[in-house]
C-alpha atoms as a PDB file:
ATOM      1  CA  MET A   1      35.098  19.309  40.261  1.00  0.00           C
ATOM      2  CA  PRO A   2      34.566  16.125  42.313  1.00  0.00           C
ATOM      3  CA  GLU A   3      31.703  16.045  44.771  1.00  0.00           C
ATOM      4  CA  GLY A   4      32.299  15.786  48.485  1.00  0.00           C
ATOM      5  CA  ASP A   5      31.490  12.078  48.482  1.00  0.00           C
ATOM      6  CA  THR A   6      34.266  11.385  45.934  1.00  0.00           C
ATOM      7  CA  VAL A   7      36.768  13.302  48.058  1.00  0.00           C
ATOM      8  CA  PHE A   8      35.579  11.541  51.218  1.00  0.00           C
ATOM      9  CA  LEU A   9      36.009   8.096  49.643  1.00  0.00           C
ATOM     10  CA  THR A  10      39.465   9.074  48.356  1.00  0.00           C
ATOM     11  CA  GLY A  11      40.445  10.156  51.858  1.00  0.00           C
ATOM     12  CA  ARG A  12      39.083   6.952  53.380  1.00  0.00           C
ATOM     13  CA  ARG A  13      41.094   4.792  50.970  1.00  0.00           C
ATOM     14  CA  LEU A  14      44.260   6.794  51.606  1.00  0.00           C
ATOM     15  CA  ASP A  15      43.736   6.513  55.349  1.00  0.00           C
ATOM     16  CA  ASP A  16      43.263   2.746  55.125  1.00  0.00           C
ATOM     17  CA  ALA A  17      46.517   2.406  53.157  1.00  0.00           C
ATOM     18  CA  LEU A  18      48.747   4.919  54.944  1.00  0.00           C
ATOM     19  CA  ALA A  19      47.600   5.616  58.499  1.00  0.00           C
ATOM     20  CA  GLY A  20      49.786   4.145  61.224  1.00  0.00           C
ATOM     21  CA  ARG A  21      52.684   3.519  58.853  1.00  0.00           C
ATOM     22  CA  THR A  22      56.090   5.137  58.514  1.00  0.00           C
ATOM     23  CA  LEU A  23      57.073   6.940  55.337  1.00  0.00           C
ATOM     24  CA  LEU A  24      59.961   5.235  53.559  1.00  0.00           C
ATOM     25  CA  ARG A  25      60.205   7.885  50.842  1.00  0.00           C
ATOM     26  CA  THR A  26      58.517  11.060  49.671  1.00  0.00           C
ATOM     27  CA  ASP A  27      58.863  12.776  46.309  1.00  0.00           C
ATOM     28  CA  PHE A  28      57.348  16.225  45.938  1.00  0.00           C
ATOM     29  CA  ARG A  29      57.215  17.536  42.383  1.00  0.00           C
ATOM     30  CA  HIS A  30      55.854  20.944  43.165  1.00  0.00           C
ATOM     31  CA  PRO A  31      57.877  24.207  43.032  1.00  0.00           C
ATOM     32  CA  ARG A  32      57.198  25.200  46.654  1.00  0.00           C
ATOM     33  CA  LEU A  33      57.763  21.704  48.042  1.00  0.00           C
ATOM     34  CA  ALA A  34      60.543  20.355  45.827  1.00  0.00           C
ATOM     35  CA  THR A  35      63.073  20.167  48.681  1.00  0.00           C
ATOM     36  CA  VAL A  36      60.724  18.650  51.260  1.00  0.00           C
ATOM     37  CA  ASP A  37      61.595  15.182  52.586  1.00  0.00           C
ATOM     38  CA  LEU A  38      59.196  13.546  55.040  1.00  0.00           C
ATOM     39  CA  ALA A  39      60.860  10.117  55.122  1.00  0.00           C
ATOM     40  CA  GLY A  40      60.830   8.691  58.628  1.00  0.00           C
ATOM     41  CA  ARG A  41      57.686  10.461  59.724  1.00  0.00           C
ATOM     42  CA  ASP A  42      54.553   8.502  60.614  1.00  0.00           C
ATOM     43  CA  VAL A  43      51.286   9.028  58.778  1.00  0.00           C
ATOM     44  CA  LEU A  44      48.828   9.724  61.575  1.00  0.00           C
ATOM     45  CA  GLU A  45      45.660   9.883  59.486  1.00  0.00           C
ATOM     46  CA  VAL A  46      44.099  11.118  56.277  1.00  0.00           C
ATOM     47  CA  ALA A  47      41.012  13.236  56.865  1.00  0.00           C
ATOM     48  CA  THR A  48      38.776  15.342  54.671  1.00  0.00           C
ATOM     49  CA  ALA A  49      37.162  18.730  55.122  1.00  0.00           C
ATOM     50  CA  GLY A  50      34.633  19.307  52.387  1.00  0.00           C
ATOM     51  CA  LYS A  51      36.625  18.925  49.176  1.00  0.00           C
ATOM     52  CA  HIS A  52      40.034  19.229  50.857  1.00  0.00           C
ATOM     53  CA  ILE A  53      42.182  16.206  51.736  1.00  0.00           C
ATOM     54  CA  LEU A  54      44.318  16.580  54.864  1.00  0.00           C
ATOM     55  CA  THR A  55      47.163  14.078  55.319  1.00  0.00           C
ATOM     56  CA  ARG A  56      48.538  14.470  58.833  1.00  0.00           C
ATOM     57  CA  PHE A  57      52.053  13.424  59.807  1.00  0.00           C
ATOM     58  CA  SER A  58      53.982  13.125  63.040  1.00  0.00           C
ATOM     59  CA  GLY A  59      55.852  16.276  63.944  1.00  0.00           C
ATOM     60  CA  ASP A  60      52.768  18.510  63.579  1.00  0.00           C
ATOM     61  CA  LEU A  61      52.632  18.632  59.775  1.00  0.00           C
ATOM     62  CA  THR A  62      49.654  18.428  57.422  1.00  0.00           C
ATOM     63  CA  LEU A  63      49.648  18.104  53.647  1.00  0.00           C
ATOM     64  CA  ARG A  64      46.557  19.718  52.130  1.00  0.00           C
ATOM     65  CA  SER A  65      45.571  18.683  48.590  1.00  0.00           C
ATOM     66  CA  HIS A  66      42.615  19.553  46.396  1.00  0.00           C
ATOM     67  CA  LEU A  67      41.537  17.527  43.367  1.00  0.00           C
ATOM     68  CA  ARG A  68      39.722  20.311  41.517  1.00  0.00           C
ATOM     69  CA  MET A  69      38.784  19.211  37.970  1.00  0.00           C
ATOM     70  CA  ASP A  70      41.565  16.816  37.020  1.00  0.00           C
ATOM     71  CA  GLY A  71      43.445  15.764  40.141  1.00  0.00           C
ATOM     72  CA  SER A  72      43.434  12.284  41.651  1.00  0.00           C
ATOM     73  CA  TRP A  73      45.164  10.104  44.208  1.00  0.00           C
ATOM     74  CA  HIS A  74      46.072   6.543  43.192  1.00  0.00           C
ATOM     75  CA  LEU A  75      47.255   3.673  45.374  1.00  0.00           C
ATOM     76  CA  TYR A  76      49.775   1.175  43.993  1.00  0.00           C
ATOM     77  CA  ARG A  77      51.846  -1.764  45.075  1.00  0.00           C
ATOM     78  CA  PRO A  78      55.600  -1.459  44.473  1.00  0.00           C
ATOM     79  CA  GLY A  79      56.318  -2.292  40.832  1.00  0.00           C
ATOM     80  CA  ASP A  80      52.766  -1.646  39.610  1.00  0.00           C
ATOM     81  CA  LYS A  81      52.408   0.356  36.398  1.00  0.00           C
ATOM     82  CA  TRP A  82      50.948   3.789  37.041  1.00  0.00           C
ATOM     83  CA  ARG A  83      47.682   4.564  35.283  1.00  0.00           C
ATOM     84  CA  ARG A  84      48.545   8.199  34.538  1.00  0.00           C
ATOM     85  CA  PRO A  85      51.739   9.623  32.997  1.00  0.00           C
ATOM     86  CA  GLY A  86      54.694  10.483  35.179  1.00  0.00           C
ATOM     87  CA  HIS A  87      54.752  14.151  34.161  1.00  0.00           C
ATOM     88  CA  GLN A  88      51.417  14.619  35.931  1.00  0.00           C
ATOM     89  CA  VAL A  89      52.762  13.403  39.291  1.00  0.00           C
ATOM     90  CA  ARG A  90      52.878  16.046  42.011  1.00  0.00           C
ATOM     91  CA  VAL A  91      53.677  13.914  45.054  1.00  0.00           C
ATOM     92  CA  VAL A  92      54.590  10.336  45.978  1.00  0.00           C
ATOM     93  CA  LEU A  93      54.184   8.999  49.516  1.00  0.00           C
ATOM     94  CA  GLU A  94      55.693   5.550  50.023  1.00  0.00           C
ATOM     95  CA  VAL A  95      55.095   3.298  53.010  1.00  0.00           C
ATOM     96  CA  PRO A  96      55.882  -0.424  53.279  1.00  0.00           C
ATOM     97  CA  ASP A  97      54.070  -2.202  50.425  1.00  0.00           C
ATOM     98  CA  ARG A  98      52.067   0.823  49.237  1.00  0.00           C
ATOM     99  CA  LEU A  99      52.590   3.968  47.206  1.00  0.00           C
ATOM    100  CA  ALA A 100      50.155   6.870  47.218  1.00  0.00           C
ATOM    101  CA  VAL A 101      50.659   8.900  44.046  1.00  0.00           C
ATOM    102  CA  GLY A 102      48.978  12.267  43.609  1.00  0.00           C
ATOM    103  CA  PHE A 103      48.383  13.292  39.991  1.00  0.00           C
ATOM    104  CA  ALA A 104      47.621  16.847  38.850  1.00  0.00           C
ATOM    105  CA  LEU A 105      46.891  17.942  42.409  1.00  0.00           C
ATOM    106  CA  HIS A 106      46.058  21.581  43.051  1.00  0.00           C
ATOM    107  CA  ASP A 107      46.561  23.762  46.109  1.00  0.00           C
ATOM    108  CA  LEU A 108      49.206  21.376  47.417  1.00  0.00           C
ATOM    109  CA  GLU A 109      50.445  22.889  50.651  1.00  0.00           C
ATOM    110  CA  LEU A 110      52.354  21.736  53.748  1.00  0.00           C
ATOM    111  CA  VAL A 111      51.437  23.507  56.980  1.00  0.00           C
ATOM    112  CA  PRO A 112      51.690  22.951  60.724  1.00  0.00           C
ATOM    113  CA  THR A 113      48.705  20.844  61.734  1.00  0.00           C
ATOM    114  CA  GLY A 114      47.712  23.496  64.228  1.00  0.00           C
ATOM    115  CA  GLU A 115      47.310  25.984  61.364  1.00  0.00           C
ATOM    116  CA  GLU A 116      44.940  23.933  59.197  1.00  0.00           C
ATOM    117  CA  SER A 117      42.185  26.413  59.920  1.00  0.00           C
ATOM    118  CA  ARG A 118      43.769  29.035  57.717  1.00  0.00           C
ATOM    119  CA  LEU A 119      43.235  26.661  54.776  1.00  0.00           C
ATOM    120  CA  VAL A 120      39.805  25.244  55.616  1.00  0.00           C
ATOM    121  CA  GLY A 121      38.474  27.521  58.338  1.00  0.00           C
ATOM    122  CA  HIS A 122      36.310  29.422  55.848  1.00  0.00           C
ATOM    123  CA  LEU A 123      34.240  26.329  55.070  1.00  0.00           C
ATOM    124  CA  GLY A 124      30.706  25.835  56.280  1.00  0.00           C
ATOM    125  CA  PRO A 125      29.735  22.719  58.246  1.00  0.00           C
ATOM    126  CA  ASP A 126      31.128  19.577  56.607  1.00  0.00           C
ATOM    127  CA  LEU A 127      28.206  17.459  55.419  1.00  0.00           C
ATOM    128  CA  LEU A 128      30.314  14.301  55.718  1.00  0.00           C
ATOM    129  CA  GLY A 129      31.978  15.190  58.988  1.00  0.00           C
ATOM    130  CA  PRO A 130      30.713  14.712  62.534  1.00  0.00           C
ATOM    131  CA  TRP A 131      27.248  16.256  62.502  1.00  0.00           C
ATOM    132  CA  THR A 132      25.350  17.824  65.372  1.00  0.00           C
ATOM    133  CA  ALA A 133      22.207  19.875  65.773  1.00  0.00           C
ATOM    134  CA  ALA A 134      24.486  22.902  66.001  1.00  0.00           C
ATOM    135  CA  ASP A 135      26.059  22.068  62.624  1.00  0.00           C
ATOM    136  CA  GLU A 136      22.624  21.745  61.067  1.00  0.00           C
ATOM    137  CA  ALA A 137      21.464  25.030  62.534  1.00  0.00           C
ATOM    138  CA  GLU A 138      24.618  26.788  61.329  1.00  0.00           C
ATOM    139  CA  ALA A 139      24.213  25.409  57.792  1.00  0.00           C
ATOM    140  CA  VAL A 140      20.601  26.599  57.669  1.00  0.00           C
ATOM    141  CA  ALA A 141      21.606  30.023  58.986  1.00  0.00           C
ATOM    142  CA  ARG A 142      24.339  30.359  56.382  1.00  0.00           C
ATOM    143  CA  LEU A 143      22.009  29.201  53.604  1.00  0.00           C
ATOM    144  CA  THR A 144      19.329  31.732  54.523  1.00  0.00           C
ATOM    145  CA  ALA A 145      21.740  34.635  55.110  1.00  0.00           C
ATOM    146  CA  ASP A 146      21.098  35.925  51.571  1.00  0.00           C
ATOM    147  CA  PRO A 147      17.391  35.286  50.911  1.00  0.00           C
ATOM    148  CA  ALA A 148      17.490  36.668  47.357  1.00  0.00           C
ATOM    149  CA  ARG A 149      20.289  34.363  46.230  1.00  0.00           C
ATOM    150  CA  GLU A 150      19.467  31.595  43.759  1.00  0.00           C
ATOM    151  CA  ILE A 151      19.287  28.268  45.578  1.00  0.00           C
ATOM    152  CA  GLY A 152      21.520  26.576  42.986  1.00  0.00           C
ATOM    153  CA  LEU A 153      24.318  29.066  43.626  1.00  0.00           C
ATOM    154  CA  ALA A 154      23.864  28.967  47.393  1.00  0.00           C
ATOM    155  CA  LEU A 155      24.137  25.172  47.496  1.00  0.00           C
ATOM    156  CA  LEU A 156      27.448  25.295  45.618  1.00  0.00           C
ATOM    157  CA  ASP A 157      28.962  27.810  48.028  1.00  0.00           C
ATOM    158  CA  GLN A 158      31.361  25.850  50.252  1.00  0.00           C
ATOM    159  CA  ARG A 159      31.157  28.634  52.824  1.00  0.00           C
ATOM    160  CA  VAL A 160      27.507  27.690  53.347  1.00  0.00           C
ATOM    161  CA  MET A 161      28.097  23.960  53.792  1.00  0.00           C
ATOM    162  CA  ALA A 162      30.998  21.912  52.509  1.00  0.00           C
ATOM    163  CA  GLY A 163      30.636  19.017  50.097  1.00  0.00           C
ATOM    164  CA  VAL A 164      27.892  19.859  47.591  1.00  0.00           C
ATOM    165  CA  GLY A 165      28.998  20.005  43.967  1.00  0.00           C
ATOM    166  CA  ASN A 166      27.205  20.366  40.668  1.00  0.00           C
ATOM    167  CA  VAL A 167      25.674  16.880  40.765  1.00  0.00           C
ATOM    168  CA  TYR A 168      24.079  17.285  44.172  1.00  0.00           C
ATOM    169  CA  LYS A 169      23.065  20.878  43.471  1.00  0.00           C
ATOM    170  CA  SER A 170      20.837  19.721  40.616  1.00  0.00           C
ATOM    171  CA  GLU A 171      19.620  16.600  42.411  1.00  0.00           C
ATOM    172  CA  VAL A 172      18.716  18.436  45.625  1.00  0.00           C
ATOM    173  CA  CYS A 173      16.801  21.084  43.684  1.00  0.00           C
ATOM    174  CA  PHE A 174      14.835  18.323  41.944  1.00  0.00           C
ATOM    175  CA  LEU A 175      13.955  16.648  45.236  1.00  0.00           C
ATOM    176  CA  LEU A 176      12.958  20.023  46.696  1.00  0.00           C
ATOM    177  CA  GLY A 177      10.655  20.563  43.713  1.00  0.00           C
ATOM    178  CA  VAL A 178      12.125  23.961  42.817  1.00  0.00           C
ATOM    179  CA  SER A 179      14.157  25.248  39.892  1.00  0.00           C
ATOM    180  CA  PRO A 180      17.830  26.034  40.612  1.00  0.00           C
ATOM    181  CA  TRP A 181      17.049  29.742  40.022  1.00  0.00           C
ATOM    182  CA  THR A 182      14.467  29.909  42.826  1.00  0.00           C
ATOM    183  CA  PRO A 183      15.374  32.447  45.544  1.00  0.00           C
ATOM    184  CA  VAL A 184      16.475  30.892  48.820  1.00  0.00           C
ATOM    185  CA  SER A 185      13.576  32.695  50.500  1.00  0.00           C
ATOM    186  CA  ASP A 186      11.132  30.469  48.577  1.00  0.00           C
ATOM    187  CA  VAL A 187      12.847  27.215  49.562  1.00  0.00           C
ATOM    188  CA  ASP A 188      12.573  24.994  52.624  1.00  0.00           C
ATOM    189  CA  SER A 189      16.164  25.597  53.707  1.00  0.00           C
ATOM    190  CA  ALA A 190      16.149  23.058  56.529  1.00  0.00           C
ATOM    191  CA  ARG A 191      15.039  20.379  54.065  1.00  0.00           C
ATOM    192  CA  ALA A 192      17.700  21.508  51.573  1.00  0.00           C
ATOM    193  CA  VAL A 193      20.396  20.971  54.200  1.00  0.00           C
ATOM    194  CA  ALA A 194      18.954  17.619  55.279  1.00  0.00           C
ATOM    195  CA  LEU A 195      18.671  16.354  51.687  1.00  0.00           C
ATOM    196  CA  SER A 196      22.226  17.445  50.881  1.00  0.00           C
ATOM    197  CA  ARG A 197      23.614  15.511  53.822  1.00  0.00           C
ATOM    198  CA  LYS A 198      21.382  12.486  53.197  1.00  0.00           C
ATOM    199  CA  LEU A 199      22.460  12.125  49.550  1.00  0.00           C
ATOM    200  CA  LEU A 200      26.148  12.649  50.268  1.00  0.00           C
ATOM    201  CA  LEU A 201      26.107  10.162  53.134  1.00  0.00           C
ATOM    202  CA  ALA A 202      24.293   7.549  51.056  1.00  0.00           C
ATOM    203  CA  ASN A 203      27.006   7.729  48.395  1.00  0.00           C
ATOM    204  CA  SER A 204      30.071   8.364  50.551  1.00  0.00           C
ATOM    205  CA  LEU A 205      31.370   4.793  50.302  1.00  0.00           C
ATOM    206  CA  ARG A 206      30.005   3.895  46.864  1.00  0.00           C
ATOM    207  CA  PRO A 207      32.287   3.835  43.822  1.00  0.00           C
ATOM    208  CA  VAL A 208      29.210   4.466  41.612  1.00  0.00           C
ATOM    209  CA  ARG A 209      26.930   7.302  42.676  1.00  0.00           C
ATOM    210  CA  ASN A 210      23.157   6.840  42.765  1.00  0.00           C
ATOM    211  CA  THR A 211      20.801   9.572  43.968  1.00  0.00           C
ATOM    212  CA  THR A 212      17.503   7.995  42.882  1.00  0.00           C
ATOM    213  CA  GLY A 213      17.596   4.588  44.536  1.00  0.00           C
ATOM    214  CA  LEU A 214      16.423   3.160  41.217  1.00  0.00           C
ATOM    215  CA  PRO A 215      18.169   0.157  39.643  1.00  0.00           C
ATOM    216  CA  GLY A 216      19.390   0.089  36.059  1.00  0.00           C
ATOM    217  CA  ARG A 217      21.851   1.979  33.929  1.00  0.00           C
ATOM    218  CA  GLY A 218      20.813   5.524  33.093  1.00  0.00           C
ATOM    219  CA  ARG A 219      18.645   5.813  36.198  1.00  0.00           C
ATOM    220  CA  GLU A 220      21.365   6.807  38.661  1.00  0.00           C
ATOM    221  CA  SER A 221      20.332  10.485  38.774  1.00  0.00           C
ATOM    222  CA  TRP A 222      17.032  12.338  38.530  1.00  0.00           C
ATOM    223  CA  VAL A 223      18.185  15.193  36.314  1.00  0.00           C
ATOM    224  CA  TYR A 224      21.980  15.580  36.317  1.00  0.00           C
ATOM    225  CA  GLU A 225      23.418  15.015  32.812  1.00  0.00           C
ATOM    226  CA  ARG A 226      19.998  13.904  31.569  1.00  0.00           C
ATOM    227  CA  SER A 227      19.310  16.907  29.328  1.00  0.00           C
ATOM    228  CA  GLY A 228      16.804  16.014  26.589  1.00  0.00           C
ATOM    229  CA  ARG A 229      15.844  12.735  28.238  1.00  0.00           C
ATOM    230  CA  PRO A 230      12.479  12.081  29.878  1.00  0.00           C
ATOM    231  CA  CYS A 231      12.043  12.815  33.562  1.00  0.00           C
ATOM    232  CA  LEU A 232      12.008   9.599  35.561  1.00  0.00           C
ATOM    233  CA  ARG A 233       8.903  10.841  37.383  1.00  0.00           C
ATOM    234  CA  CYS A 234       6.701  12.621  34.831  1.00  0.00           C
ATOM    235  CA  GLY A 235       8.260  12.009  31.409  1.00  0.00           C
ATOM    236  CA  THR A 236       8.864  15.692  30.622  1.00  0.00           C
ATOM    237  CA  ARG A 237      12.182  16.306  28.879  1.00  0.00           C
ATOM    238  CA  ILE A 238      14.935  17.451  31.211  1.00  0.00           C
ATOM    239  CA  ARG A 239      16.464  20.835  30.432  1.00  0.00           C
ATOM    240  CA  MET A 240      19.933  22.253  31.016  1.00  0.00           C
ATOM    241  CA  ALA A 241      21.266  25.815  31.166  1.00  0.00           C
ATOM    242  CA  GLY A 242      24.265  27.632  32.560  1.00  0.00           C
ATOM    243  CA  GLN A 243      23.958  29.255  35.974  1.00  0.00           C
ATOM    244  CA  GLY A 244      26.304  31.710  37.618  1.00  0.00           C
ATOM    245  CA  PRO A 245      28.437  34.621  36.434  1.00  0.00           C
ATOM    246  CA  GLY A 246      31.442  34.355  34.121  1.00  0.00           C
ATOM    247  CA  VAL A 247      33.992  31.699  35.018  1.00  0.00           C
ATOM    248  CA  GLN A 248      31.780  30.581  37.900  1.00  0.00           C
ATOM    249  CA  GLU A 249      29.048  29.429  35.519  1.00  0.00           C
ATOM    250  CA  ARG A 250      28.008  25.798  35.985  1.00  0.00           C
ATOM    251  CA  SER A 251      25.441  23.638  34.240  1.00  0.00           C
ATOM    252  CA  SER A 252      22.095  23.256  35.966  1.00  0.00           C
ATOM    253  CA  TYR A 253      19.635  20.514  35.081  1.00  0.00           C
ATOM    254  CA  TRP A 254      15.921  20.552  35.918  1.00  0.00           C
ATOM    255  CA  CYS A 255      12.524  19.183  35.007  1.00  0.00           C
ATOM    256  CA  PRO A 256      10.209  22.034  33.941  1.00  0.00           C
ATOM    257  CA  ARG A 257       7.156  20.210  35.275  1.00  0.00           C
ATOM    258  CA  CYS A 258       8.468  18.777  38.560  1.00  0.00           C
ATOM    259  CA  GLN A 259      10.434  21.939  39.392  1.00  0.00           C
ATOM    260  CA  PRO A 260       8.328  25.056  38.863  1.00  0.00           C
ATOM    261  CA  GLY A 261       9.909  28.443  39.363  1.00  0.00           C
ATOM    262  CA  PRO A 262      12.308  30.857  37.660  1.00  0.00           C
ATOM    263  CA  ILE A 263      14.524  29.579  34.860  1.00  0.00           C
ATOM    264  CA  ALA A 264      17.618  30.859  33.070  1.00  0.00           C
END
């Protein structure tokens, strides 16, 4: 599932292309929305809340989309060849000179803008949204609410703070110097929140993610997807194991030397 920075950049690009323009045509290819026609409405803005994309239209309407594992939004000029097959299209939004095409989108839903909270109100503070001391305090409080929970699982919980995915979960644990299976009670939770926001912000407008600050191919991440390769700090081979129950299991990467603590 895309990280919060990927969703944020997608929303920014959609906003740049669509906001302030009038819809010439819409084409919804989704059972619940097949009869919807938004032509003539203005696109007010495209915003994000964690991993949710909120396209707001005049007339108090919001289209919520979620990329999940395989969804994507593409921008085209009229007449351009689409880069994914037509049978994967779920929605087309056309404004003068641009088409926004949503492929394999999940959780596509049209709601009154005033009711967005029923779709995203469960989320914790958005790490890429406006950020205040109160947001930081709330994120720390939510993170520490279950002290026995494994830090890797807590970081992935969008109800704690919105935006962290599997990449940042592993990278934050590395920078904290703890294994992903370490109980939250043994972690500096304020630093975990600060690192999560810092890494997401640093990559929010980059097409290629880098969490290390190191140049060169293969050095973009400390541990994520580096199983069997030497740690960039100490040379120990990075390990990988599944974390989480059943269908919620995700891969966790860690350096056994740099990240002491419980393991799978």
